[in-house]
Amino acid sequence: MKKKLLAALLSLTMVASLAACGGNGGSGSAGGSGDAASVDTKEHVVINYMTTGDPPEAGSEKEQSLNDMLAKLNAILTEKVNAEIKIYYIPWTDYLSNYNLTLARMDGSVDLVGTASDWLDAWPNAKNGAFLELSEDMLKTYAPKTWASVPADHWELCKYNGQIYLMPEDNYAQWTNHGWIYRLDWAKEAGLANGVHSWEDMTTYVKWVKENKTDLKYVWDSDGTQYSQMANGWIVSHSDFVAIDGICSGALWGGKKSDLYTIYAPAMTDTDSLVAYAKMMKEWAEAGVWPTDVLNNTSGSNRDEFRVGQVAVEQHHTQTWTDLCSHTPANTIYDTDPAAETGIFYFGEEAKNVVALSITHGAMAVSAGSKNPERALMVYDLIRNDQDCYNLFNYGIEGVSWEKDANGLRTTPANYNSDTQNINGMTNYWWGRNDDLEIKDATRNWDAIDKLYAEYDKIKIDYPYGQFVPEVDDIQGKIDNCNEQYTNYMKQISFGLYNGSAEDIVAEMQNALKTAGIDDVTAALQTQFDALYKK
């Protein structure tokens, strides 16, 4: 009821404020071309922006850098909409519990809320009344540039029960699909002239590295936590499986690109493929690709070791590759070896099976407890769409935290200190980045990045399950049991640590999953899919 009352009051406020400002057919919300300048902003307000992340230490140089940026930003916000922004941090320790508890209080302590449908409970919070319903009139009036820039079909993906609750980060290219990051120059030495483009190529590569680069610490100094991504990577590389996000860490359930709304579990159906995977991973283990104590390995950070040439493989997503393939100060491999190159074999490449990140993987909501929701929307609209506000909030003060080079690319000043002046690492603004305003980082290898992104754009499909909110109360126990069994077996399979044959370990896993109730979960999810997608 509270959120509906707020929405009604906002509608009255819009009418009153537009009338007071002389709104007419040429401006205001009625025609969908509302302007923040037409809204009454006589009272100065503070907008609290809630984001996940650890705050800078009080009194530190880092906090001072943040405060200096906010002073300049708030001067602009005050001039344009008579508001200022403060950051309300949800520290990473127990972040999800604290995030949801803060929202549930609805005590006015937060206004703008960074959220996500796949990792920050956006839909459960919308369902529970923690977020304000955002009517079209509200968005047109208080966030007109955002409203105009988001396509109608994207707004549809931001609805729960027919009401808009989220403003999506839908104009920012980022790819969090995983893959094998490797030394392209070494792959060429291994006879893979065009690089690695299949799991078989990858096997050739890791074996060659093990035999020929004997001065490395390991081929891959894995800490044993990547088993699920590896397994899912194999599955999407050898099928048209599309996983449903957020049900469990194992990505156990989903549909097929050829039949999106019939749910299945590849762990139960793709037996021959999983046996082949188990055999290949046993082959990698026997070749000595990772430490023998991989599941308990705490010897170091593999990514940092890759940066300096101590290992030959990293398993992570494309965004990580965009860093590792670039000549940043941390990537000393390019300084010590001018021939060094870094490639990525992305999971799904063989089957041309790539799913774009959901546009609600990062989104902004307004707390239902906000005392100033209309002004919160106005502040968001500026940070997302005004170049000066965007630069400050994302990059910091020009000349202090960033500057442009002769090519218009973003660099850091000579006296820049990343430990204390990295504003992006303090604002944690992952909820409305905008490629129309982005200033490209000069350290990035844009030729390689743009080439890969163009390849993705040709084959990708949009994430199809963005509005699916699973009802799991009755099946949560079985989901947990299935995920536990899958985890236990995939640790063994993905790192080749099982005894007996590949056929035996896959059959054993499938029997354990069946006992855990995987068929019941599949059936329950299918019933929910049918109700949502097959009306």
Protein backbone atom coordinates (compact mmCIF):
# COMPACT_ATOMS: atom_id res chain seq x y z
CA MET A 1 0.00 0.00 0.00
CA LYS A 2 2.83 2.39 0.85
CA LYS A 3 4.34 2.23 -2.62
CA LYS A 4 0.96 2.78 -4.28
CA LEU A 5 0.24 5.77 -2.02
CA LEU A 6 3.62 7.26 -2.89
CA ALA A 7 2.94 6.78 -6.59
CA ALA A 8 -0.43 8.51 -6.24
CA LEU A 9 1.08 11.40 -4.28
CA LEU A 10 3.78 11.77 -6.90
CA SER A 11 1.16 12.07 -9.63
CA LEU A 12 -0.52 14.88 -7.65
CA THR A 13 2.87 16.51 -7.06
CA MET A 14 3.61 16.46 -10.77
CA VAL A 15 0.34 18.15 -11.63
CA ALA A 16 0.79 20.79 -8.95
CA SER A 17 4.41 21.53 -9.75
CA LEU A 18 3.82 21.72 -13.48
CA ALA A 19 0.88 24.03 -12.96
CA ALA A 20 2.95 26.25 -10.65
CA CYS A 21 5.69 26.43 -13.25
CA GLY A 22 3.29 27.25 -16.09
CA GLY A 23 3.51 23.82 -17.79
CA ASN A 24 1.78 23.64 -21.18
CA GLY A 25 1.53 21.46 -24.23
CA GLY A 26 5.07 22.34 -25.24
CA SER A 27 6.68 20.96 -22.06
CA GLY A 28 5.85 18.95 -18.99
CA SER A 29 4.76 15.33 -18.66
CA ALA A 30 1.56 15.36 -20.65
CA GLY A 31 3.36 15.25 -23.96
CA GLY A 32 6.14 12.96 -22.75
CA SER A 33 8.80 15.66 -23.08
CA GLY A 34 9.02 16.69 -19.43
CA ASP A 35 12.04 18.69 -18.37
CA ALA A 36 13.61 18.79 -14.92
CA ALA A 37 13.60 22.58 -15.22
CA SER A 38 9.79 22.56 -15.10
CA VAL A 39 9.68 20.88 -11.68
CA ASP A 40 9.52 22.86 -8.43
CA THR A 41 12.91 22.48 -6.71
CA LYS A 42 12.76 25.29 -4.14
CA GLU A 43 13.69 23.01 -1.24
CA HIS A 44 17.28 21.72 -1.18
CA VAL A 45 17.36 17.97 -0.55
CA VAL A 46 19.96 15.26 0.02
CA ILE A 47 19.65 12.12 -2.09
CA ASN A 48 21.22 9.02 -0.56
CA TYR A 49 22.53 6.63 -3.18
CA MET A 50 22.91 3.06 -1.93
CA THR A 51 25.55 0.87 -3.50
CA THR A 52 27.44 -2.29 -2.60
CA GLY A 53 31.07 -1.83 -1.65
CA ASP A 54 33.36 -0.92 1.21
CA PRO A 55 33.53 2.81 2.04
CA PRO A 56 36.88 4.62 2.13
CA GLU A 57 38.38 4.83 5.60
CA ALA A 58 37.28 7.93 7.50
CA GLY A 59 39.90 10.66 7.38
CA SER A 60 41.94 8.92 4.69
CA GLU A 61 43.32 10.46 1.50
CA LYS A 62 40.95 8.20 -0.36
CA GLU A 63 37.94 9.68 1.42
CA GLN A 64 39.25 13.17 0.75
CA SER A 65 39.47 12.42 -2.99
CA LEU A 66 35.88 11.22 -2.93
CA ASN A 67 34.72 14.26 -1.01
CA ASP A 68 36.52 16.61 -3.40
CA MET A 69 34.73 15.00 -6.34
CA LEU A 70 31.35 15.09 -4.57
CA ALA A 71 31.80 18.78 -3.78
CA LYS A 72 32.15 19.58 -7.47
CA LEU A 73 29.34 17.22 -8.48
CA ASN A 74 26.99 18.54 -5.81
CA ALA A 75 27.62 22.10 -6.94
CA ILE A 76 26.27 21.11 -10.37
CA LEU A 77 23.37 19.12 -8.91
CA THR A 78 22.47 22.02 -6.66
CA GLU A 79 22.51 24.44 -9.56
CA LYS A 80 20.41 22.21 -11.82
CA VAL A 81 17.95 20.51 -9.44
CA ASN A 82 18.79 21.94 -5.99
CA ALA A 83 19.88 18.56 -4.63
CA GLU A 84 23.06 16.84 -3.54
CA ILE A 85 24.07 13.20 -3.47
CA LYS A 86 25.62 11.17 -0.68
CA ILE A 87 26.78 7.58 -0.90
CA TYR A 88 25.33 4.94 1.41
CA TYR A 89 27.62 1.91 1.32
CA ILE A 90 26.63 -1.71 1.91
CA PRO A 91 30.01 -3.34 2.74
CA TRP A 92 30.86 -6.61 1.00
CA THR A 93 30.77 -8.69 4.20
CA ASP A 94 27.28 -10.25 4.34
CA TYR A 95 26.32 -7.71 1.70
CA LEU A 96 23.10 -9.32 0.45
CA SER A 97 21.58 -9.74 3.90
CA ASN A 98 22.46 -6.17 4.90
CA TYR A 99 21.29 -4.84 1.55
CA ASN A 100 17.86 -6.44 1.90
CA LEU A 101 17.53 -5.46 5.56
CA THR A 102 18.31 -1.83 4.74
CA LEU A 103 15.66 -1.78 2.02
CA ALA A 104 13.10 -3.51 4.22
CA ARG A 105 13.32 -0.75 6.83
CA MET A 106 11.94 1.84 4.37
CA ASP A 107 12.87 4.54 6.87
CA GLY A 108 13.96 7.17 4.37
CA SER A 109 17.67 6.48 4.86
CA VAL A 110 18.14 5.64 1.16
CA ASP A 111 16.66 7.04 -2.05
CA LEU A 112 18.43 5.73 -5.15
CA VAL A 113 19.23 2.02 -4.98
CA GLY A 114 21.73 0.21 -7.16
CA THR A 115 20.24 -3.20 -7.84
CA ALA A 116 20.36 -6.23 -10.13
CA SER A 117 17.97 -8.97 -11.12
CA ASP A 118 20.61 -11.70 -11.02
CA TRP A 119 22.72 -10.91 -7.95
CA LEU A 120 21.00 -8.24 -5.83
CA ASP A 121 17.42 -9.52 -5.50
CA ALA A 122 15.82 -6.82 -7.64
CA TRP A 123 12.62 -8.75 -8.31
CA PRO A 124 12.11 -10.11 -4.79
CA ASN A 125 12.51 -6.55 -3.48
CA ALA A 126 10.05 -5.23 -6.05
CA LYS A 127 7.64 -8.00 -5.10
CA ASN A 128 8.03 -7.23 -1.39
CA GLY A 129 7.29 -3.53 -1.85
CA ALA A 130 10.81 -2.21 -1.22
CA PHE A 131 10.95 -0.38 -4.56
CA LEU A 132 8.72 2.41 -5.80
CA GLU A 133 6.53 1.82 -8.84
CA LEU A 134 7.78 4.17 -11.56
CA SER A 135 4.92 5.31 -13.76
CA GLU A 136 5.55 6.50 -17.29
CA ASP A 137 4.49 10.02 -16.29
CA MET A 138 6.96 10.04 -13.40
CA LEU A 139 9.81 8.92 -15.65
CA LYS A 140 8.90 11.34 -18.44
CA THR A 141 8.75 14.23 -15.98
CA TYR A 142 11.59 13.55 -13.55
CA ALA A 143 13.96 11.47 -15.69
CA PRO A 144 13.11 12.61 -19.22
CA LYS A 145 16.46 11.84 -20.85
CA THR A 146 16.54 8.36 -19.38
CA TRP A 147 12.96 7.76 -20.45
CA ALA A 148 13.70 8.86 -24.01
CA SER A 149 16.91 6.85 -24.33
CA VAL A 150 15.56 3.49 -23.15
CA PRO A 151 13.63 1.62 -25.90
CA ALA A 152 10.07 0.53 -25.19
CA ASP A 153 10.98 -3.16 -25.25
CA HIS A 154 13.66 -2.53 -22.64
CA TRP A 155 11.16 -0.80 -20.35
CA GLU A 156 9.04 -3.94 -20.67
CA LEU A 157 11.92 -5.94 -19.23
CA CYS A 158 11.95 -3.62 -16.22
CA LYS A 159 8.38 -4.44 -15.23
CA TYR A 160 7.05 -6.70 -12.51
CA ASN A 161 3.33 -7.41 -12.62
CA GLY A 162 2.96 -4.78 -15.32
CA GLN A 163 4.67 -1.97 -13.39
CA ILE A 164 8.11 -0.44 -14.03
CA TYR A 165 10.42 -0.73 -11.04
CA LEU A 166 13.89 -0.44 -12.59
CA MET A 167 15.89 1.86 -14.84
CA PRO A 168 18.22 -0.43 -16.78
CA GLU A 169 21.89 -0.16 -17.64
CA ASP A 170 21.07 -0.94 -21.25
CA ASN A 171 23.48 1.28 -23.19
CA TYR A 172 26.81 0.03 -21.89
CA ALA A 173 28.82 -2.72 -23.55
CA GLN A 174 30.10 -5.23 -21.05
CA TRP A 175 30.50 -8.96 -21.49
CA THR A 176 30.69 -11.18 -18.45
CA ASN A 177 30.58 -14.44 -20.40
CA HIS A 178 33.48 -16.61 -19.31
CA GLY A 179 36.28 -18.24 -21.22
CA TRP A 180 39.92 -19.30 -21.22
CA ILE A 181 42.33 -16.38 -21.31
CA TYR A 182 45.71 -17.47 -22.68
CA ARG A 183 48.98 -16.31 -24.21
CA LEU A 184 48.23 -15.96 -27.91
CA ASP A 185 51.92 -15.68 -28.79
CA TRP A 186 52.58 -19.02 -27.10
CA ALA A 187 49.59 -20.62 -28.82
CA LYS A 188 51.15 -19.62 -32.15
CA GLU A 189 54.43 -21.21 -31.03
CA ALA A 190 52.44 -24.35 -30.25
CA GLY A 191 51.27 -24.52 -33.85
CA LEU A 192 47.89 -22.86 -33.35
CA ALA A 193 48.45 -20.13 -35.92
CA ASN A 194 44.99 -18.64 -35.48
CA GLY A 195 44.89 -19.05 -31.72
CA VAL A 196 42.64 -21.21 -29.56
CA HIS A 197 39.09 -21.71 -30.83
CA SER A 198 38.02 -25.03 -29.32
CA TRP A 199 38.49 -27.16 -26.22
CA GLU A 200 40.69 -29.44 -28.31
CA ASP A 201 42.86 -26.44 -29.23
CA MET A 202 43.02 -25.54 -25.57
CA THR A 203 44.19 -29.05 -24.72
CA THR A 204 46.95 -28.76 -27.31
CA TYR A 205 47.94 -25.40 -25.86
CA VAL A 206 48.11 -26.35 -22.17
CA LYS A 207 50.06 -29.54 -22.91
CA TRP A 208 52.55 -27.64 -25.08
CA VAL A 209 53.01 -24.98 -22.42
CA LYS A 210 53.60 -27.61 -19.75
CA GLU A 211 56.31 -29.24 -21.88
CA ASN A 212 57.95 -26.12 -23.30
CA LYS A 213 57.60 -23.32 -20.75
CA THR A 214 59.25 -25.08 -17.86
CA ASP A 215 60.16 -21.87 -16.02
CA LEU A 216 56.50 -21.08 -15.26
CA LYS A 217 55.09 -21.48 -11.78
CA TYR A 218 52.19 -23.51 -13.23
CA VAL A 219 50.29 -23.60 -16.48
CA TRP A 220 47.30 -22.52 -14.42
CA ASP A 221 47.70 -21.77 -10.71
CA SER A 222 44.02 -22.48 -10.07
CA ASP A 223 42.58 -22.29 -6.56
CA GLY A 224 39.95 -24.89 -7.44
CA THR A 225 36.92 -22.57 -7.34
CA GLN A 226 36.24 -22.48 -11.09
CA TYR A 227 34.67 -25.94 -11.46
CA SER A 228 31.13 -24.73 -12.15
CA GLN A 229 32.14 -22.14 -14.75
CA MET A 230 34.30 -24.74 -16.45
CA ALA A 231 31.47 -27.25 -16.62
CA ASN A 232 28.95 -24.71 -17.86
CA GLY A 233 31.55 -23.50 -20.34
CA TRP A 234 31.84 -27.00 -21.74
CA ILE A 235 28.07 -27.39 -21.93
CA VAL A 236 27.42 -24.11 -23.78
CA SER A 237 30.34 -24.89 -26.10
CA HIS A 238 28.76 -28.19 -27.12
CA SER A 239 25.03 -27.39 -27.11
CA ASP A 240 22.57 -24.51 -27.35
CA PHE A 241 21.88 -24.48 -23.60
CA VAL A 242 20.80 -21.16 -22.09
CA ALA A 243 21.05 -21.15 -18.29
CA ILE A 244 18.51 -19.47 -16.02
CA ASP A 245 20.35 -17.04 -13.76
CA GLY A 246 19.94 -16.95 -10.04
CA ILE A 247 18.42 -20.31 -9.18
CA CYS A 248 21.66 -21.81 -7.93
CA SER A 249 25.37 -21.37 -8.42
CA GLY A 250 25.63 -24.45 -10.60
CA ALA A 251 23.54 -23.13 -13.53
CA LEU A 252 21.71 -26.46 -13.46
CA TRP A 253 18.51 -25.46 -15.24
CA GLY A 254 17.65 -23.65 -18.45
CA GLY A 255 16.28 -23.98 -21.94
CA LYS A 256 17.73 -24.24 -25.43
CA LYS A 257 18.07 -21.50 -28.01
CA SER A 258 15.91 -23.73 -30.21
CA ASP A 259 13.33 -24.22 -27.44
CA LEU A 260 13.79 -21.51 -24.82
CA TYR A 261 10.78 -22.26 -22.65
CA THR A 262 11.14 -26.00 -22.14
CA ILE A 263 13.30 -26.45 -19.06
CA TYR A 264 15.88 -29.18 -18.78
CA ALA A 265 19.01 -29.99 -16.80
CA PRO A 266 22.05 -30.80 -18.99
CA ALA A 267 23.65 -32.57 -16.03
CA MET A 268 20.99 -35.24 -16.48
CA THR A 269 20.53 -35.29 -20.26
CA ASP A 270 23.92 -34.55 -21.85
CA THR A 271 25.56 -37.74 -20.63
CA ASP A 272 27.90 -38.46 -23.54
CA SER A 273 29.09 -34.85 -23.60
CA LEU A 274 29.80 -34.83 -19.86
CA VAL A 275 31.73 -38.09 -20.14
CA ALA A 276 33.89 -36.49 -22.84
CA TYR A 277 34.41 -33.48 -20.56
CA ALA A 278 35.42 -35.69 -17.64
CA LYS A 279 37.94 -37.51 -19.84
CA MET A 280 39.48 -34.29 -21.10
CA MET A 281 39.84 -32.85 -17.60
CA LYS A 282 41.48 -36.05 -16.42
CA GLU A 283 43.90 -35.60 -19.32
CA TRP A 284 44.68 -32.04 -18.17
CA ALA A 285 45.18 -33.20 -14.59
CA GLU A 286 47.56 -35.96 -15.64
CA ALA A 287 49.50 -33.47 -17.76
CA GLY A 288 50.07 -31.34 -14.65
CA VAL A 289 48.15 -28.24 -15.81
CA TRP A 290 47.25 -27.20 -12.23
CA PRO A 291 48.66 -27.90 -8.76
CA THR A 292 48.04 -31.37 -7.41
CA ASP A 293 46.38 -29.80 -4.36
CA VAL A 294 44.21 -27.59 -6.57
CA LEU A 295 41.11 -27.69 -4.36
CA ASN A 296 43.13 -26.36 -1.42
CA ASN A 297 45.60 -24.22 -3.33
CA THR A 298 46.28 -20.84 -1.73
CA SER A 299 49.73 -20.31 -3.21
CA GLY A 300 48.92 -17.02 -4.90
CA SER A 301 46.67 -15.03 -7.21
CA ASN A 302 46.64 -16.59 -10.66
CA ARG A 303 45.50 -13.37 -12.33
CA ASP A 304 48.35 -11.37 -10.85
CA GLU A 305 50.71 -14.17 -11.89
CA PHE A 306 49.35 -14.00 -15.45
CA ARG A 307 50.05 -10.27 -15.53
CA VAL A 308 53.75 -10.86 -14.91
CA GLY A 309 54.19 -13.99 -17.05
CA GLN A 310 54.32 -16.67 -14.34
CA VAL A 311 51.34 -18.67 -15.65
CA ALA A 312 49.79 -19.29 -19.07
CA VAL A 313 46.04 -19.48 -18.38
CA GLU A 314 43.36 -17.51 -16.58
CA GLN A 315 39.68 -18.50 -16.47
CA HIS A 316 37.35 -15.56 -16.18
CA HIS A 317 35.01 -13.35 -18.16
CA THR A 318 35.56 -11.16 -21.17
CA GLN A 319 35.76 -7.96 -19.13
CA THR A 320 38.80 -9.41 -17.38
CA TRP A 321 40.37 -10.24 -20.73
CA THR A 322 39.92 -6.63 -21.87
CA ASP A 323 42.22 -5.69 -18.99
CA LEU A 324 44.71 -8.52 -19.38
CA CYS A 325 45.13 -7.99 -23.13
CA SER A 326 45.99 -4.31 -22.64
CA HIS A 327 49.22 -2.51 -21.88
CA THR A 328 48.34 -1.39 -18.37
CA PRO A 329 51.12 -0.75 -15.83
CA ALA A 330 50.18 -3.96 -13.99
CA ASN A 331 50.59 -6.14 -17.10
CA THR A 332 54.38 -6.22 -17.18
CA ILE A 333 54.43 -9.16 -19.64
CA TYR A 334 54.25 -6.61 -22.46
CA ASP A 335 57.24 -4.72 -21.10
CA THR A 336 59.42 -7.79 -20.57
CA ASP A 337 58.35 -9.53 -23.79
CA PRO A 338 57.42 -7.24 -26.72
CA ALA A 339 55.99 -10.25 -28.59
CA ALA A 340 53.49 -11.07 -25.84
CA GLU A 341 49.82 -11.25 -26.85
CA THR A 342 46.76 -12.31 -24.87
CA GLY A 343 43.79 -14.08 -26.43
CA ILE A 344 40.50 -15.47 -25.19
CA PHE A 345 38.69 -18.64 -26.17
CA TYR A 346 35.19 -17.77 -25.04
CA PHE A 347 32.82 -20.45 -23.85
CA GLY A 348 30.20 -21.11 -26.51
CA GLU A 349 32.50 -20.21 -29.41
CA GLU A 350 32.26 -23.63 -31.01
CA ALA A 351 28.45 -23.69 -30.91
CA LYS A 352 28.11 -19.95 -31.50
CA ASN A 353 26.17 -19.90 -28.24
CA VAL A 354 26.58 -16.53 -26.54
CA VAL A 355 23.97 -14.82 -24.37
CA ALA A 356 24.18 -11.08 -23.76
CA LEU A 357 24.20 -9.84 -20.20
CA SER A 358 20.75 -9.01 -18.90
CA ILE A 359 20.04 -5.28 -19.05
CA THR A 360 18.94 -5.57 -15.41
CA HIS A 361 22.27 -7.09 -14.34
CA GLY A 362 22.81 -3.49 -13.31
CA ALA A 363 19.84 -1.18 -12.75
CA MET A 364 18.72 1.70 -10.58
CA ALA A 365 15.59 1.67 -8.44
CA VAL A 366 14.00 4.16 -6.08
CA SER A 367 13.36 3.08 -2.51
CA ALA A 368 9.68 2.96 -1.59
CA GLY A 369 10.74 4.67 1.62
CA SER A 370 12.37 7.62 -0.13
CA LYS A 371 11.19 11.01 1.10
CA ASN A 372 12.24 12.65 -2.16
CA PRO A 373 11.65 10.13 -4.95
CA GLU A 374 11.02 12.75 -7.63
CA ARG A 375 14.29 14.53 -6.90
CA ALA A 376 16.08 11.16 -6.74
CA LEU A 377 14.97 10.52 -10.32
CA MET A 378 16.20 13.96 -11.37
CA VAL A 379 19.62 13.36 -9.83
CA TYR A 380 19.87 9.95 -11.51
CA ASP A 381 18.89 11.46 -14.85
CA LEU A 382 21.77 13.92 -14.59
CA ILE A 383 24.38 11.39 -13.51
CA ARG A 384 23.37 9.04 -16.30
CA ASN A 385 22.99 11.64 -19.08
CA ASP A 386 24.86 14.87 -18.29
CA GLN A 387 28.48 14.70 -19.48
CA ASP A 388 29.92 16.80 -16.64
CA CYS A 389 28.06 14.85 -13.94
CA TYR A 390 28.89 11.55 -15.62
CA ASN A 391 32.60 12.34 -15.84
CA LEU A 392 32.81 13.36 -12.19
CA PHE A 393 30.90 10.37 -10.84
CA ASN A 394 32.69 7.81 -13.00
CA TYR A 395 36.18 9.22 -13.46
CA GLY A 396 36.64 11.96 -10.87
CA ILE A 397 38.03 15.46 -11.27
CA GLU A 398 39.67 16.12 -14.62
CA GLY A 399 43.35 16.92 -14.16
CA VAL A 400 43.43 15.04 -10.83
CA SER A 401 42.05 11.54 -11.46
CA TRP A 402 41.98 11.65 -15.26
CA GLU A 403 42.76 13.66 -18.36
CA LYS A 404 42.47 13.30 -22.14
CA ASP A 405 45.33 12.56 -24.50
CA ALA A 406 45.75 13.95 -28.01
CA ASN A 407 43.42 11.24 -29.37
CA GLY A 408 40.64 12.06 -26.93
CA LEU A 409 41.26 8.92 -24.89
CA ARG A 410 41.24 8.88 -21.09
CA THR A 411 44.58 8.71 -19.30
CA THR A 412 45.78 9.39 -15.76
CA PRO A 413 48.00 12.35 -14.79
CA ALA A 414 51.64 11.70 -13.95
CA ASN A 415 51.04 12.15 -10.21
CA TYR A 416 47.88 10.01 -10.13
CA ASN A 417 47.66 7.54 -7.24
CA SER A 418 45.27 4.68 -7.98
CA ASP A 419 45.09 3.73 -4.30
CA THR A 420 43.62 7.09 -3.29
CA GLN A 421 42.26 8.70 -6.47
CA ASN A 422 40.36 5.90 -8.23
CA ILE A 423 36.88 7.45 -8.06
CA ASN A 424 35.21 4.68 -10.03
CA GLY A 425 36.35 2.27 -7.34
CA MET A 426 34.56 4.37 -4.72
CA THR A 427 31.28 5.39 -6.39
CA ASN A 428 30.64 1.82 -7.60
CA TYR A 429 28.28 3.13 -10.26
CA TRP A 430 27.27 -0.05 -12.05
CA TRP A 431 23.64 0.91 -12.58
CA GLY A 432 23.49 3.36 -15.46
CA ARG A 433 26.75 3.62 -17.34
CA ASN A 434 26.30 5.09 -20.79
CA ASP A 435 28.42 4.39 -23.86
CA ASP A 436 27.25 7.67 -25.40
CA LEU A 437 29.21 9.48 -22.67
CA GLU A 438 32.05 7.04 -22.00
CA ILE A 439 35.59 8.28 -22.61
CA LYS A 440 37.61 5.29 -23.71
CA ASP A 441 40.52 4.23 -21.53
CA ALA A 442 43.77 4.84 -23.41
CA THR A 443 45.37 1.75 -21.88
CA ARG A 444 42.88 -0.64 -23.47
CA ASN A 445 43.64 -2.58 -26.65
CA TRP A 446 40.59 -1.28 -28.51
CA ASP A 447 41.46 -2.92 -31.82
CA ALA A 448 41.27 -6.37 -30.23
CA ILE A 449 38.32 -5.49 -27.98
CA ASP A 450 36.18 -3.96 -30.71
CA LYS A 451 36.89 -6.93 -32.97
CA LEU A 452 35.72 -9.42 -30.35
CA TYR A 453 32.67 -7.35 -29.39
CA ALA A 454 31.65 -7.21 -33.06
CA GLU A 455 31.93 -11.00 -33.22
CA TYR A 456 29.73 -11.33 -30.13
CA ASP A 457 27.14 -8.94 -31.55
CA LYS A 458 26.77 -11.11 -34.65
CA ILE A 459 25.94 -14.30 -32.76
CA LYS A 460 24.54 -13.29 -29.35
CA ILE A 461 20.98 -13.56 -28.20
CA ASP A 462 19.46 -11.34 -25.53
CA TYR A 463 19.03 -12.96 -22.14
CA PRO A 464 15.49 -14.38 -22.41
CA TYR A 465 14.55 -14.91 -18.75
CA GLY A 466 14.99 -11.42 -17.31
CA GLN A 467 11.45 -11.23 -15.93
CA PHE A 468 11.31 -14.73 -14.51
CA VAL A 469 11.01 -14.60 -10.73
CA PRO A 470 11.08 -18.22 -9.54
CA GLU A 471 8.83 -19.18 -6.66
CA VAL A 472 11.15 -21.46 -4.75
CA ASP A 473 9.76 -21.68 -1.23
CA ASP A 474 8.40 -25.20 -1.78
CA ILE A 475 11.45 -26.46 -3.68
CA GLN A 476 14.33 -24.55 -2.09
CA GLY A 477 15.46 -27.58 -0.08
CA LYS A 478 15.69 -29.71 -3.22
CA ILE A 479 17.46 -26.93 -5.13
CA ASP A 480 20.03 -26.70 -2.34
CA ASN A 481 20.49 -30.47 -2.27
CA CYS A 482 20.94 -30.62 -6.03
CA ASN A 483 23.42 -27.75 -6.01
CA GLU A 484 25.39 -29.41 -3.21
CA GLN A 485 25.61 -32.71 -5.10
CA TYR A 486 26.51 -31.00 -8.35
CA THR A 487 29.21 -28.98 -6.58
CA ASN A 488 30.71 -32.07 -4.94
CA TYR A 489 30.88 -34.01 -8.19
CA MET A 490 31.91 -31.16 -10.45
CA LYS A 491 34.90 -30.41 -8.25
CA GLN A 492 36.08 -33.94 -8.96
CA ILE A 493 35.13 -33.97 -12.65
CA SER A 494 36.36 -30.50 -13.60
CA PHE A 495 39.78 -31.05 -12.05
CA GLY A 496 40.14 -34.72 -13.00
CA LEU A 497 40.28 -35.84 -9.38
CA TYR A 498 37.84 -38.73 -9.61
CA ASN A 499 38.64 -42.42 -9.31
CA GLY A 500 37.43 -44.98 -11.82
CA SER A 501 36.13 -44.20 -15.30
CA ALA A 502 34.56 -41.02 -16.62
CA GLU A 503 31.40 -42.99 -17.34
CA ASP A 504 31.21 -44.12 -13.72
CA ILE A 505 31.63 -40.66 -12.16
CA VAL A 506 29.01 -39.08 -14.45
CA ALA A 507 26.53 -41.88 -13.72
CA GLU A 508 27.21 -41.54 -9.99
CA MET A 509 26.56 -37.79 -10.18
CA GLN A 510 23.31 -38.27 -12.06
CA ASN A 511 22.07 -40.81 -9.53
CA ALA A 512 22.90 -38.40 -6.69
CA LEU A 513 21.06 -35.57 -8.45
CA LYS A 514 18.04 -37.76 -9.03
CA THR A 515 17.95 -38.69 -5.34
CA ALA A 516 18.32 -35.00 -4.44
CA GLY A 517 15.13 -34.22 -6.36
CA ILE A 518 16.34 -32.64 -9.60
CA ASP A 519 13.36 -33.96 -11.58
CA ASP A 520 10.93 -32.43 -9.10
CA VAL A 521 12.63 -29.04 -9.37
CA THR A 522 12.62 -29.22 -13.17
CA ALA A 523 8.90 -29.99 -13.17
CA ALA A 524 8.09 -27.19 -10.70
CA LEU A 525 10.07 -24.63 -12.69
CA GLN A 526 8.38 -25.78 -15.90
CA THR A 527 4.96 -25.16 -14.36
CA GLN A 528 6.04 -21.61 -13.52
CA PHE A 529 7.47 -21.10 -17.00
CA ASP A 530 4.23 -22.27 -18.56
CA ALA A 531 2.26 -19.77 -16.48
CA LEU A 532 4.56 -16.87 -17.46
CA TYR A 533 5.61 -17.58 -21.03
CA LYS A 534 2.92 -19.83 -22.51
CA LYS A 535 -0.18 -17.81 -21.74
